[in-house]
PDB file of N, CA and C in Angstrom:
ATOM      1  N   MET A   1      17.087 224.728  70.671  1.00  0.00           N
ATOM      2  CA  MET A   1      17.531 224.459  69.321  1.00  0.00           C
ATOM      3  C   MET A   1      16.831 223.249  68.711  1.00  0.00           C
ATOM      4  N   LYS A   2      16.589 222.225  69.508  1.00  0.00           N
ATOM      5  CA  LYS A   2      15.926 221.038  68.985  1.00  0.00           C
ATOM      6  C   LYS A   2      14.519 221.383  68.510  1.00  0.00           C
ATOM      7  N   LEU A   3      13.827 222.261  69.238  1.00  0.00           N
ATOM      8  CA  LEU A   3      12.472 222.662  68.858  1.00  0.00           C
ATOM      9  C   LEU A   3      12.491 223.359  67.492  1.00  0.00           C
ATOM     10  N   ILE A   4      13.436 224.241  67.282  1.00  0.00           N
ATOM     11  CA  ILE A   4      13.540 224.955  66.006  1.00  0.00           C
ATOM     12  C   ILE A   4      13.826 223.964  64.877  1.00  0.00           C
ATOM     13  N   ARG A   5      14.733 223.019  65.126  1.00  0.00           N
ATOM     14  CA  ARG A   5      15.053 222.013  64.112  1.00  0.00           C
ATOM     15  C   ARG A   5      13.831 221.170  63.781  1.00  0.00           C
ATOM     16  N   LYS A   6      13.056 220.811  64.788  1.00  0.00           N
ATOM     17  CA  LYS A   6      11.853 220.003  64.562  1.00  0.00           C
ATOM     18  C   LYS A   6      10.788 220.794  63.798  1.00  0.00           C
ATOM     19  N   ILE A   7      10.654 222.061  64.105  1.00  0.00           N
ATOM     20  CA  ILE A   7       9.695 222.907  63.375  1.00  0.00           C
ATOM     21  C   ILE A   7      10.106 223.004  61.906  1.00  0.00           C
ATOM     22  N   LYS A   8      11.400 223.197  61.654  1.00  0.00           N
ATOM     23  CA  LYS A   8      11.891 223.238  60.269  1.00  0.00           C
ATOM     24  C   LYS A   8      11.632 221.915  59.562  1.00  0.00           C
ATOM     25  N   GLN A   9      11.800 220.831  60.306  1.00  0.00           N
ATOM     26  CA  GLN A   9      11.568 219.500  59.737  1.00  0.00           C
ATOM     27  C   GLN A   9      10.107 219.349  59.314  1.00  0.00           C
ATOM     28  N   VAL A  10       9.201 219.733  60.192  1.00  0.00           N
ATOM     29  CA  VAL A  10       7.768 219.626  59.879  1.00  0.00           C
ATOM     30  C   VAL A  10       7.426 220.518  58.689  1.00  0.00           C
ATOM     31  N   LEU A  11       7.944 221.727  58.671  1.00  0.00           N
ATOM     32  CA  LEU A  11       7.663 222.652  57.565  1.00  0.00           C
ATOM     33  C   LEU A  11       8.196 222.115  56.230  1.00  0.00           C
ATOM     34  N   SER A  12       9.334 221.433  56.270  1.00  0.00           N
ATOM     35  CA  SER A  12       9.881 220.906  55.021  1.00  0.00           C
ATOM     36  C   SER A  12       8.983 219.806  54.431  1.00  0.00           C
ATOM     37  N   TRP A  13       8.241 219.109  55.282  1.00  0.00           N
ATOM     38  CA  TRP A  13       7.344 218.041  54.827  1.00  0.00           C
ATOM     39  C   TRP A  13       5.991 218.557  54.364  1.00  0.00           C
ATOM     40  N   LEU A  14       5.610 219.758  54.732  1.00  0.00           N
ATOM     41  CA  LEU A  14       4.264 220.253  54.417  1.00  0.00           C
ATOM     42  C   LEU A  14       3.914 220.191  52.930  1.00  0.00           C
ATOM     43  N   PRO A  15       4.776 220.624  52.013  1.00  0.00           N
ATOM     44  CA  PRO A  15       4.388 220.534  50.588  1.00  0.00           C
ATOM     45  C   PRO A  15       4.126 219.098  50.133  1.00  0.00           C
ATOM     46  N   ILE A  16       4.882 218.153  50.648  1.00  0.00           N
ATOM     47  CA  ILE A  16       4.702 216.748  50.280  1.00  0.00           C
ATOM     48  C   ILE A  16       3.386 216.227  50.844  1.00  0.00           C
ATOM     49  N   ILE A  17       3.141 216.509  52.092  1.00  0.00           N
ATOM     50  CA  ILE A  17       1.905 216.050  52.743  1.00  0.00           C
ATOM     51  C   ILE A  17       0.688 216.722  52.108  1.00  0.00           C
ATOM     52  N   TRP A  18       0.828 217.996  51.775  1.00  0.00           N
ATOM     53  CA  TRP A  18      -0.284 218.744  51.181  1.00  0.00           C
ATOM     54  C   TRP A  18      -0.735 218.121  49.860  1.00  0.00           C
ATOM     55  N   LYS A  19       0.231 217.678  49.054  1.00  0.00           N
ATOM     56  CA  LYS A  19      -0.085 217.087  47.746  1.00  0.00           C
ATOM     57  C   LYS A  19      -0.529 215.629  47.849  1.00  0.00           C
ATOM     58  N   ASP A  20      -0.323 215.005  48.993  1.00  0.00           N
ATOM     59  CA  ASP A  20      -0.590 213.576  49.142  1.00  0.00           C
ATOM     60  C   ASP A  20      -2.060 213.244  48.942  1.00  0.00           C
ATOM     61  N   GLU A  21      -2.295 212.111  48.310  1.00  0.00           N
ATOM     62  CA  GLU A  21      -3.632 211.538  48.153  1.00  0.00           C
ATOM     63  C   GLU A  21      -3.551 210.065  48.509  1.00  0.00           C
ATOM     64  N   ASP A  22      -4.671 209.503  48.927  1.00  0.00           N
ATOM     65  CA  ASP A  22      -4.695 208.110  49.354  1.00  0.00           C
ATOM     66  C   ASP A  22      -4.933 207.131  48.208  1.00  0.00           C
ATOM     67  N   TRP A  23      -5.291 207.622  47.048  1.00  0.00           N
ATOM     68  CA  TRP A  23      -5.753 206.745  45.980  1.00  0.00           C
ATOM     69  C   TRP A  23      -4.725 206.439  44.897  1.00  0.00           C
ATOM     70  N   ASP A  24      -3.484 206.855  45.045  1.00  0.00           N
ATOM     71  CA  ASP A  24      -2.502 206.623  43.982  1.00  0.00           C
ATOM     72  C   ASP A  24      -1.133 206.369  44.602  1.00  0.00           C
ATOM     73  N   TYR A  25      -0.524 205.256  44.241  1.00  0.00           N
ATOM     74  CA  TYR A  25       0.777 204.915  44.807  1.00  0.00           C
ATOM     75  C   TYR A  25       1.873 205.893  44.381  1.00  0.00           C
ATOM     76  N   GLY A  26       1.628 206.678  43.347  1.00  0.00           N
ATOM     77  CA  GLY A  26       2.600 207.681  42.924  1.00  0.00           C
ATOM     78  C   GLY A  26       2.899 208.677  44.031  1.00  0.00           C
ATOM     79  N   TYR A  27       1.903 208.985  44.846  1.00  0.00           N
ATOM     80  CA  TYR A  27       2.111 209.892  45.969  1.00  0.00           C
ATOM     81  C   TYR A  27       2.989 209.240  47.028  1.00  0.00           C
ATOM     82  N   PHE A  28       2.820 207.948  47.203  1.00  0.00           N
ATOM     83  CA  PHE A  28       3.671 207.201  48.127  1.00  0.00           C
ATOM     84  C   PHE A  28       5.125 207.268  47.666  1.00  0.00           C
ATOM     85  N   ILE A  29       5.342 207.118  46.367  1.00  0.00           N
ATOM     86  CA  ILE A  29       6.705 207.195  45.836  1.00  0.00           C
ATOM     87  C   ILE A  29       7.289 208.581  46.090  1.00  0.00           C
ATOM     88  N   GLN A  30       6.480 209.627  45.947  1.00  0.00           N
ATOM     89  CA  GLN A  30       6.961 210.985  46.221  1.00  0.00           C
ATOM     90  C   GLN A  30       7.415 211.124  47.678  1.00  0.00           C
ATOM     91  N   ILE A  31       6.685 210.509  48.587  1.00  0.00           N
ATOM     92  CA  ILE A  31       7.051 210.558  50.000  1.00  0.00           C
ATOM     93  C   ILE A  31       8.378 209.831  50.219  1.00  0.00           C
ATOM     94  N   VAL A  32       8.513 208.652  49.629  1.00  0.00           N
ATOM     95  CA  VAL A  32       9.746 207.878  49.762  1.00  0.00           C
ATOM     96  C   VAL A  32      10.918 208.654  49.161  1.00  0.00           C
ATOM     97  N   GLU A  33      10.719 209.234  47.979  1.00  0.00           N
ATOM     98  CA  GLU A  33      11.787 210.000  47.335  1.00  0.00           C
ATOM     99  C   GLU A  33      12.197 211.204  48.181  1.00  0.00           C
ATOM    100  N   PHE A  34      11.231 211.885  48.751  1.00  0.00           N
ATOM    101  CA  PHE A  34      11.529 213.048  49.583  1.00  0.00           C
ATOM    102  C   PHE A  34      12.403 212.629  50.770  1.00  0.00           C
ATOM    103  N   LYS A  35      12.004 211.548  51.425  1.00  0.00           N
ATOM    104  CA  LYS A  35      12.768 211.057  52.574  1.00  0.00           C
ATOM    105  C   LYS A  35      14.162 210.617  52.146  1.00  0.00           C
ATOM    106  N   LEU A  36      14.273 209.913  51.040  1.00  0.00           N
ATOM    107  CA  LEU A  36      15.587 209.489  50.563  1.00  0.00           C
ATOM    108  C   LEU A  36      16.476 210.686  50.225  1.00  0.00           C
ATOM    109  N   ASN A  37      15.895 211.726  49.638  1.00  0.00           N
ATOM    110  CA  ASN A  37      16.667 212.949  49.361  1.00  0.00           C
ATOM    111  C   ASN A  37      17.191 213.565  50.649  1.00  0.00           C
ATOM    112  N   LYS A  38      16.357 213.602  51.674  1.00  0.00           N
ATOM    113  CA  LYS A  38      16.784 214.159  52.958  1.00  0.00           C
ATOM    114  C   LYS A  38      17.909 213.321  53.563  1.00  0.00           C
ATOM    115  N   ILE A  39      17.790 212.000  53.451  1.00  0.00           N
ATOM    116  CA  ILE A  39      18.839 211.119  53.962  1.00  0.00           C
ATOM    117  C   ILE A  39      20.139 211.341  53.187  1.00  0.00           C
ATOM    118  N   ALA A  40      20.051 211.416  51.868  1.00  0.00           N
ATOM    119  CA  ALA A  40      21.245 211.629  51.044  1.00  0.00           C
ATOM    120  C   ALA A  40      21.928 212.945  51.400  1.00  0.00           C
ATOM    121  N   GLU A  41      21.147 214.001  51.552  1.00  0.00           N
ATOM    122  CA  GLU A  41      21.719 215.299  51.916  1.00  0.00           C
ATOM    123  C   GLU A  41      22.419 215.236  53.263  1.00  0.00           C
ATOM    124  N   CYS A  42      21.811 214.553  54.209  1.00  0.00           N
ATOM    125  CA  CYS A  42      22.416 214.395  55.532  1.00  0.00           C
ATOM    126  C   CYS A  42      23.736 213.628  55.434  1.00  0.00           C
ATOM    127  N   LEU A  43      23.734 212.540  54.703  1.00  0.00           N
ATOM    128  CA  LEU A  43      24.949 211.738  54.549  1.00  0.00           C
ATOM    129  C   LEU A  43      26.044 212.507  53.812  1.00  0.00           C
ATOM    130  N   GLU A  44      25.658 213.306  52.834  1.00  0.00           N
ATOM    131  CA  GLU A  44      26.645 214.077  52.075  1.00  0.00           C
ATOM    132  C   GLU A  44      27.321 215.133  52.944  1.00  0.00           C
ATOM    133  N   LYS A  45      26.619 215.608  53.960  1.00  0.00           N
ATOM    134  CA  LYS A  45      27.185 216.605  54.882  1.00  0.00           C
ATOM    135  C   LYS A  45      27.927 215.962  56.051  1.00  0.00           C
ATOM    136  N   ASP A  46      27.724 214.690  56.259  1.00  0.00           N
ATOM    137  CA  ASP A  46      28.290 213.973  57.406  1.00  0.00           C
ATOM    138  C   ASP A  46      29.809 213.951  57.334  1.00  0.00           C
ATOM    139  N   THR A  47      30.451 214.404  58.400  1.00  0.00           N
ATOM    140  CA  THR A  47      31.912 214.389  58.472  1.00  0.00           C
ATOM    141  C   THR A  47      32.413 213.426  59.544  1.00  0.00           C
ATOM    142  N   ILE A  48      31.504 212.706  60.175  1.00  0.00           N
ATOM    143  CA  ILE A  48      31.879 211.825  61.282  1.00  0.00           C
ATOM    144  C   ILE A  48      32.020 210.373  60.833  1.00  0.00           C
ATOM    145  N   HIS A  49      31.038 209.890  60.126  1.00  0.00           N
ATOM    146  CA  HIS A  49      31.012 208.474  59.774  1.00  0.00           C
ATOM    147  C   HIS A  49      31.884 208.191  58.553  1.00  0.00           C
ATOM    148  N   GLU A  50      32.635 207.137  58.647  1.00  0.00           N
ATOM    149  CA  GLU A  50      33.637 206.775  57.658  1.00  0.00           C
ATOM    150  C   GLU A  50      33.077 206.562  56.250  1.00  0.00           C
ATOM    151  N   ASN A  51      31.945 205.899  56.133  1.00  0.00           N
ATOM    152  CA  ASN A  51      31.399 205.540  54.826  1.00  0.00           C
ATOM    153  C   ASN A  51      30.205 206.395  54.400  1.00  0.00           C
ATOM    154  N   ALA A  52      30.053 207.537  54.995  1.00  0.00           N
ATOM    155  CA  ALA A  52      28.870 208.365  54.727  1.00  0.00           C
ATOM    156  C   ALA A  52      28.732 208.719  53.245  1.00  0.00           C
ATOM    157  N   LYS A  53      29.815 209.074  52.607  1.00  0.00           N
ATOM    158  CA  LYS A  53      29.749 209.472  51.185  1.00  0.00           C
ATOM    159  C   LYS A  53      29.336 208.296  50.295  1.00  0.00           C
ATOM    160  N   GLU A  54      29.844 207.109  50.609  1.00  0.00           N
ATOM    161  CA  GLU A  54      29.466 205.924  49.837  1.00  0.00           C
ATOM    162  C   GLU A  54      27.992 205.588  50.045  1.00  0.00           C
ATOM    163  N   HIS A  55      27.534 205.741  51.287  1.00  0.00           N
ATOM    164  CA  HIS A  55      26.123 205.491  51.575  1.00  0.00           C
ATOM    165  C   HIS A  55      25.241 206.518  50.865  1.00  0.00           C
ATOM    166  N   ALA A  56      25.688 207.778  50.846  1.00  0.00           N
ATOM    167  CA  ALA A  56      24.935 208.818  50.146  1.00  0.00           C
ATOM    168  C   ALA A  56      24.829 208.479  48.656  1.00  0.00           C
ATOM    169  N   ALA A  57      25.913 207.980  48.083  1.00  0.00           N
ATOM    170  CA  ALA A  57      25.892 207.606  46.666  1.00  0.00           C
ATOM    171  C   ALA A  57      24.904 206.467  46.423  1.00  0.00           C
ATOM    172  N   LYS A  58      24.817 205.536  47.347  1.00  0.00           N
ATOM    173  CA  LYS A  58      23.874 204.421  47.210  1.00  0.00           C
ATOM    174  C   LYS A  58      22.432 204.932  47.308  1.00  0.00           C
ATOM    175  N   VAL A  59      22.188 205.892  48.185  1.00  0.00           N
ATOM    176  CA  VAL A  59      20.849 206.488  48.283  1.00  0.00           C
ATOM    177  C   VAL A  59      20.507 207.177  46.969  1.00  0.00           C
ATOM    178  N   ARG A  60      21.449 207.922  46.411  1.00  0.00           N
ATOM    179  CA  ARG A  60      21.221 208.608  45.130  1.00  0.00           C
ATOM    180  C   ARG A  60      20.961 207.594  44.008  1.00  0.00           C
ATOM    181  N   GLU A  61      21.659 206.482  44.043  1.00  0.00           N
ATOM    182  CA  GLU A  61      21.424 205.428  43.060  1.00  0.00           C
ATOM    183  C   GLU A  61      19.986 204.897  43.194  1.00  0.00           C
ATOM    184  N   THR A  62      19.553 204.721  44.417  1.00  0.00           N
ATOM    185  CA  THR A  62      18.186 204.253  44.667  1.00  0.00           C
ATOM    186  C   THR A  62      17.177 205.274  44.156  1.00  0.00           C
ATOM    187  N   LEU A  63      17.446 206.541  44.392  1.00  0.00           N
ATOM    188  CA  LEU A  63      16.575 207.597  43.858  1.00  0.00           C
ATOM    189  C   LEU A  63      16.527 207.551  42.333  1.00  0.00           C
ATOM    190  N   ASN A  64      17.646 207.249  41.729  1.00  0.00           N
ATOM    191  CA  ASN A  64      17.695 207.141  40.276  1.00  0.00           C
ATOM    192  C   ASN A  64      16.812 205.996  39.779  1.00  0.00           C
ATOM    193  N   TYR A  65      16.783 204.888  40.511  1.00  0.00           N
ATOM    194  CA  TYR A  65      15.900 203.773  40.135  1.00  0.00           C
ATOM    195  C   TYR A  65      14.431 204.221  40.172  1.00  0.00           C
ATOM    196  N   PHE A  66      14.058 204.956  41.210  1.00  0.00           N
ATOM    197  CA  PHE A  66      12.681 205.446  41.289  1.00  0.00           C
ATOM    198  C   PHE A  66      12.385 206.414  40.140  1.00  0.00           C
ATOM    199  N   SER A  67      13.336 207.265  39.828  1.00  0.00           N
ATOM    200  CA  SER A  67      13.154 208.206  38.725  1.00  0.00           C
ATOM    201  C   SER A  67      12.994 207.464  37.401  1.00  0.00           C
ATOM    202  N   ASN A  68      13.852 206.487  37.170  1.00  0.00           N
ATOM    203  CA  ASN A  68      13.748 205.697  35.939  1.00  0.00           C
ATOM    204  C   ASN A  68      12.421 204.952  35.880  1.00  0.00           C
ATOM    205  N   TYR A  69      11.967 204.445  37.012  1.00  0.00           N
ATOM    206  CA  TYR A  69      10.681 203.747  37.070  1.00  0.00           C
ATOM    207  C   TYR A  69       9.553 204.670  36.602  1.00  0.00           C
ATOM    208  N   GLN A  70       9.585 205.898  37.093  1.00  0.00           N
ATOM    209  CA  GLN A  70       8.502 206.831  36.781  1.00  0.00           C
ATOM    210  C   GLN A  70       8.605 207.425  35.384  1.00  0.00           C
ATOM    211  N   ASN A  71       9.768 207.314  34.770  1.00  0.00           N
ATOM    212  CA  ASN A  71       9.983 207.941  33.463  1.00  0.00           C
ATOM    213  C   ASN A  71      10.308 206.939  32.368  1.00  0.00           C
ATOM    214  N   CYS A  72       9.867 205.708  32.518  1.00  0.00           N
ATOM    215  CA  CYS A  72      10.210 204.653  31.560  1.00  0.00           C
ATOM    216  C   CYS A  72       9.798 204.991  30.129  1.00  0.00           C
ATOM    217  N   PHE A  73       8.646 205.626  29.961  1.00  0.00           N
ATOM    218  CA  PHE A  73       8.198 205.946  28.602  1.00  0.00           C
ATOM    219  C   PHE A  73       9.163 206.913  27.918  1.00  0.00           C
ATOM    220  N   ASP A  74       9.843 207.737  28.702  1.00  0.00           N
ATOM    221  CA  ASP A  74      10.811 208.667  28.133  1.00  0.00           C
ATOM    222  C   ASP A  74      12.164 208.006  27.873  1.00  0.00           C
ATOM    223  N   LEU A  75      12.422 206.889  28.534  1.00  0.00           N
ATOM    224  CA  LEU A  75      13.727 206.237  28.442  1.00  0.00           C
ATOM    225  C   LEU A  75      13.807 205.186  27.335  1.00  0.00           C
ATOM    226  N   VAL A  76      12.654 204.768  26.845  1.00  0.00           N
ATOM    227  CA  VAL A  76      12.622 203.764  25.777  1.00  0.00           C
ATOM    228  C   VAL A  76      12.254 204.462  24.475  1.00  0.00           C
ATOM    229  N   ASP A  77      13.062 204.243  23.458  1.00  0.00           N
ATOM    230  CA  ASP A  77      12.782 204.853  22.154  1.00  0.00           C
ATOM    231  C   ASP A  77      11.535 204.229  21.543  1.00  0.00           C
ATOM    232  N   LYS A  78      10.602 205.088  21.201  1.00  0.00           N
ATOM    233  CA  LYS A  78       9.363 204.633  20.564  1.00  0.00           C
ATOM    234  C   LYS A  78       9.559 204.672  19.048  1.00  0.00           C
ATOM    235  N   PRO A  79       9.386 203.541  18.380  1.00  0.00           N
ATOM    236  CA  PRO A  79       9.534 203.535  16.921  1.00  0.00           C
ATOM    237  C   PRO A  79       8.510 204.462  16.261  1.00  0.00           C
ATOM    238  N   GLU A  80       8.929 205.124  15.216  1.00  0.00           N
ATOM    239  CA  GLU A  80       8.014 206.012  14.502  1.00  0.00           C
ATOM    240  C   GLU A  80       6.838 205.248  13.906  1.00  0.00           C
ATOM    241  N   THR A  81       7.041 203.962  13.675  1.00  0.00           N
ATOM    242  CA  THR A  81       5.981 203.151  13.085  1.00  0.00           C
ATOM    243  C   THR A  81       5.005 202.594  14.128  1.00  0.00           C
ATOM    244  N   ALA A  82       5.267 202.862  15.410  1.00  0.00           N
ATOM    245  CA  ALA A  82       4.373 202.376  16.473  1.00  0.00           C
ATOM    246  C   ALA A  82       3.078 203.182  16.453  1.00  0.00           C
ATOM    247  N   ILE A  83       1.963 202.489  16.409  1.00  0.00           N
ATOM    248  CA  ILE A  83       0.663 203.150  16.329  1.00  0.00           C
ATOM    249  C   ILE A  83      -0.232 202.648  17.454  1.00  0.00           C
ATOM    250  N   ALA A  84      -0.823 203.601  18.155  1.00  0.00           N
ATOM    251  CA  ALA A  84      -1.853 203.298  19.148  1.00  0.00           C
ATOM    252  C   ALA A  84      -2.901 204.386  19.011  1.00  0.00           C
ATOM    253  N   GLU A  85      -4.133 203.994  18.737  1.00  0.00           N
ATOM    254  CA  GLU A  85      -5.190 204.975  18.521  1.00  0.00           C
ATOM    255  C   GLU A  85      -6.559 204.325  18.652  1.00  0.00           C
ATOM    256  N   PHE A  86      -7.552 205.166  18.726  1.00  0.00           N
ATOM    257  CA  PHE A  86      -8.927 204.676  18.705  1.00  0.00           C
ATOM    258  C   PHE A  86      -9.438 204.740  17.269  1.00  0.00           C
ATOM    259  N   ARG A  87     -10.031 203.640  16.848  1.00  0.00           N
ATOM    260  CA  ARG A  87     -10.629 203.563  15.524  1.00  0.00           C
ATOM    261  C   ARG A  87     -12.042 203.026  15.698  1.00  0.00           C
ATOM    262  N   ASP A  88     -12.979 203.799  15.266  1.00  0.00           N
ATOM    263  CA  ASP A  88     -14.384 203.388  15.370  1.00  0.00           C
ATOM    264  C   ASP A  88     -14.723 202.912  16.782  1.00  0.00           C
ATOM    265  N   ARG A  89     -14.337 203.723  17.769  1.00  0.00           N
ATOM    266  CA  ARG A  89     -14.629 203.471  19.189  1.00  0.00           C
ATOM    267  C   ARG A  89     -13.918 202.257  19.775  1.00  0.00           C
ATOM    268  N   GLU A  90     -12.916 201.755  19.084  1.00  0.00           N
ATOM    269  CA  GLU A  90     -12.144 200.628  19.608  1.00  0.00           C
ATOM    270  C   GLU A  90     -10.665 200.997  19.598  1.00  0.00           C
ATOM    271  N   PHE A  91      -9.975 200.504  20.602  1.00  0.00           N
ATOM    272  CA  PHE A  91      -8.546 200.768  20.694  1.00  0.00           C
ATOM    273  C   PHE A  91      -7.786 199.843  19.753  1.00  0.00           C
ATOM    274  N   TYR A  92      -6.866 200.429  19.022  1.00  0.00           N
ATOM    275  CA  TYR A  92      -6.037 199.673  18.085  1.00  0.00           C
ATOM    276  C   TYR A  92      -4.570 200.006  18.358  1.00  0.00           C
ATOM    277  N   CYS A  93      -3.731 198.978  18.362  1.00  0.00           N
ATOM    278  CA  CYS A  93      -2.289 199.217  18.367  1.00  0.00           C
ATOM    279  C   CYS A  93      -1.624 198.146  17.519  1.00  0.00           C
ATOM    280  N   ASN A  94      -0.571 198.554  16.842  1.00  0.00           N
ATOM    281  CA  ASN A  94       0.136 197.591  15.983  1.00  0.00           C
ATOM    282  C   ASN A  94       1.207 196.857  16.797  1.00  0.00           C
ATOM    283  N   ASP A  95       1.859 195.903  16.150  1.00  0.00           N
ATOM    284  CA  ASP A  95       2.873 195.084  16.828  1.00  0.00           C
ATOM    285  C   ASP A  95       4.029 195.930  17.354  1.00  0.00           C
ATOM    286  N   GLU A  96       4.425 196.948  16.613  1.00  0.00           N
ATOM    287  CA  GLU A  96       5.533 197.801  17.041  1.00  0.00           C
ATOM    288  C   GLU A  96       5.192 198.514  18.343  1.00  0.00           C
ATOM    289  N   PHE A  97       3.948 198.971  18.459  1.00  0.00           N
ATOM    290  CA  PHE A  97       3.552 199.622  19.700  1.00  0.00           C
ATOM    291  C   PHE A  97       3.517 198.611  20.844  1.00  0.00           C
ATOM    292  N   GLY A  98       3.055 197.417  20.579  1.00  0.00           N
ATOM    293  CA  GLY A  98       3.050 196.362  21.597  1.00  0.00           C
ATOM    294  C   GLY A  98       4.452 196.030  22.079  1.00  0.00           C
ATOM    295  N   GLU A  99       5.400 195.951  21.147  1.00  0.00           N
ATOM    296  CA  GLU A  99       6.795 195.686  21.504  1.00  0.00           C
ATOM    297  C   GLU A  99       7.371 196.835  22.329  1.00  0.00           C
ATOM    298  N   TYR A 100       7.022 198.057  21.948  1.00  0.00           N
ATOM    299  CA  TYR A 100       7.452 199.235  22.705  1.00  0.00           C
ATOM    300  C   TYR A 100       6.922 199.154  24.136  1.00  0.00           C
ATOM    301  N   CYS A 101       5.670 198.839  24.300  1.00  0.00           N
ATOM    302  CA  CYS A 101       5.073 198.725  25.636  1.00  0.00           C
ATOM    303  C   CYS A 101       5.724 197.608  26.446  1.00  0.00           C
ATOM    304  N   ASP A 102       6.060 196.512  25.794  1.00  0.00           N
ATOM    305  CA  ASP A 102       6.750 195.419  26.477  1.00  0.00           C
ATOM    306  C   ASP A 102       8.101 195.882  27.015  1.00  0.00           C
ATOM    307  N   LYS A 103       8.839 196.656  26.220  1.00  0.00           N
ATOM    308  CA  LYS A 103      10.137 197.169  26.661  1.00  0.00           C
ATOM    309  C   LYS A 103       9.974 198.135  27.832  1.00  0.00           C
ATOM    310  N   VAL A 104       8.961 198.998  27.743  1.00  0.00           N
ATOM    311  CA  VAL A 104       8.686 199.934  28.829  1.00  0.00           C
ATOM    312  C   VAL A 104       8.347 199.170  30.099  1.00  0.00           C
ATOM    313  N   ASN A 105       7.468 198.179  29.985  1.00  0.00           N
ATOM    314  CA  ASN A 105       7.062 197.398  31.156  1.00  0.00           C
ATOM    315  C   ASN A 105       8.243 196.660  31.777  1.00  0.00           C
ATOM    316  N   LYS A 106       9.125 196.142  30.940  1.00  0.00           N
ATOM    317  CA  LYS A 106      10.305 195.431  31.440  1.00  0.00           C
ATOM    318  C   LYS A 106      11.223 196.387  32.198  1.00  0.00           C
ATOM    319  N   LEU A 107      11.485 197.559  31.622  1.00  0.00           N
ATOM    320  CA  LEU A 107      12.334 198.548  32.277  1.00  0.00           C
ATOM    321  C   LEU A 107      11.702 199.027  33.580  1.00  0.00           C
ATOM    322  N   GLU A 108      10.407 199.224  33.545  1.00  0.00           N
ATOM    323  CA  GLU A 108       9.675 199.643  34.735  1.00  0.00           C
ATOM    324  C   GLU A 108       9.847 198.606  35.853  1.00  0.00           C
ATOM    325  N   ALA A 109       9.620 197.347  35.538  1.00  0.00           N
ATOM    326  CA  ALA A 109       9.738 196.276  36.524  1.00  0.00           C
ATOM    327  C   ALA A 109      11.164 196.166  37.062  1.00  0.00           C
ATOM    328  N   GLU A 110      12.150 196.294  36.192  1.00  0.00           N
ATOM    329  CA  GLU A 110      13.551 196.215  36.612  1.00  0.00           C
ATOM    330  C   GLU A 110      13.890 197.326  37.598  1.00  0.00           C
ATOM    331  N   ASN A 111      13.478 198.552  37.296  1.00  0.00           N
ATOM    332  CA  ASN A 111      13.802 199.678  38.169  1.00  0.00           C
ATOM    333  C   ASN A 111      13.034 199.609  39.487  1.00  0.00           C
ATOM    334  N   TRP A 112      11.798 199.153  39.432  1.00  0.00           N
ATOM    335  CA  TRP A 112      11.011 198.975  40.655  1.00  0.00           C
ATOM    336  C   TRP A 112      11.715 197.981  41.585  1.00  0.00           C
ATOM    337  N   GLU A 113      12.124 196.863  41.020  1.00  0.00           N
ATOM    338  CA  GLU A 113      12.799 195.837  41.817  1.00  0.00           C
ATOM    339  C   GLU A 113      14.139 196.343  42.350  1.00  0.00           C
ATOM    340  N   LYS A 114      14.917 197.015  41.515  1.00  0.00           N
ATOM    341  CA  LYS A 114      16.216 197.537  41.949  1.00  0.00           C
ATOM    342  C   LYS A 114      16.051 198.547  43.085  1.00  0.00           C
ATOM    343  N   ALA A 115      15.048 199.406  42.983  1.00  0.00           N
ATOM    344  CA  ALA A 115      14.837 200.420  44.022  1.00  0.00           C
ATOM    345  C   ALA A 115      14.546 199.763  45.369  1.00  0.00           C
ATOM    346  N   TRP A 116      13.606 198.844  45.380  1.00  0.00           N
ATOM    347  CA  TRP A 116      13.216 198.219  46.652  1.00  0.00           C
ATOM    348  C   TRP A 116      14.284 197.261  47.162  1.00  0.00           C
ATOM    349  N   ASN A 117      14.995 196.601  46.274  1.00  0.00           N
ATOM    350  CA  ASN A 117      16.104 195.753  46.711  1.00  0.00           C
ATOM    351  C   ASN A 117      17.211 196.592  47.342  1.00  0.00           C
ATOM    352  N   SER A 118      17.456 197.750  46.773  1.00  0.00           N
ATOM    353  CA  SER A 118      18.475 198.636  47.327  1.00  0.00           C
ATOM    354  C   SER A 118      18.081 199.100  48.726  1.00  0.00           C
ATOM    355  N   ILE A 119      16.833 199.454  48.899  1.00  0.00           N
ATOM    356  CA  ILE A 119      16.369 199.849  50.233  1.00  0.00           C
ATOM    357  C   ILE A 119      16.503 198.669  51.196  1.00  0.00           C
ATOM    358  N   ARG A 120      16.047 197.503  50.764  1.00  0.00           N
ATOM    359  CA  ARG A 120      16.127 196.308  51.612  1.00  0.00           C
ATOM    360  C   ARG A 120      17.572 196.014  52.020  1.00  0.00           C
ATOM    361  N   ASP A 121      18.480 196.109  51.069  1.00  0.00           N
ATOM    362  CA  ASP A 121      19.863 195.708  51.308  1.00  0.00           C
ATOM    363  C   ASP A 121      20.717 196.768  51.997  1.00  0.00           C
ATOM    364  N   ASN A 122      20.315 198.037  51.919  1.00  0.00           N
ATOM    365  CA  ASN A 122      21.207 199.107  52.364  1.00  0.00           C
ATOM    366  C   ASN A 122      20.662 200.074  53.414  1.00  0.00           C
ATOM    367  N   ALA A 123      19.363 200.137  53.579  1.00  0.00           N
ATOM    368  CA  ALA A 123      18.763 201.198  54.398  1.00  0.00           C
ATOM    369  C   ALA A 123      19.273 201.224  55.828  1.00  0.00           C
ATOM    370  N   GLN A 124      19.643 200.095  56.370  1.00  0.00           N
ATOM    371  CA  GLN A 124      20.124 200.087  57.754  1.00  0.00           C
ATOM    372  C   GLN A 124      21.445 200.829  57.924  1.00  0.00           C
ATOM    373  N   CYS A 125      22.123 201.114  56.842  1.00  0.00           N
ATOM    374  CA  CYS A 125      23.368 201.893  56.898  1.00  0.00           C
ATOM    375  C   CYS A 125      23.131 203.379  56.631  1.00  0.00           C
ATOM    376  N   TRP A 126      21.919 203.734  56.284  1.00  0.00           N
ATOM    377  CA  TRP A 126      21.646 205.118  55.890  1.00  0.00           C
ATOM    378  C   TRP A 126      21.196 205.951  57.073  1.00  0.00           C
ATOM    379  N   TRP A 127      22.122 206.253  57.940  1.00  0.00           N
ATOM    380  CA  TRP A 127      21.854 207.133  59.070  1.00  0.00           C
ATOM    381  C   TRP A 127      23.072 208.005  59.320  1.00  0.00           C
ATOM    382  N   CYS A 128      22.813 209.161  59.859  1.00  0.00           N
ATOM    383  CA  CYS A 128      23.940 210.043  60.206  1.00  0.00           C
ATOM    384  C   CYS A 128      23.614 210.817  61.464  1.00  0.00           C
TER     385      CYS A 128
END
């Protein structure tokens, strides 16, 4: 039975490994997210450990931080007056676009820090 479980485990990782590239940290985040999802699913099914459901919720919260990090441009309202474009072969953006980018960068940094702080502070409890 252990052999079958291990084979299933390896097969579940194949799509993630197949898409992996060495040149972009986004692929690293996909690997971390995949592992966190597997941990959350395990904890959600756990009927032995007293705090498994709370730990699963914390893992899901951490996954949410990673999701927010990757989707910051969708989470910050872009003013209709924000302009970013090329004009005569030079990049131009107005103050509104700069302010929008500042908000995106701030949200990105906050979620990045929250995700890794959550892992640092909680990962030792995430086992089942």
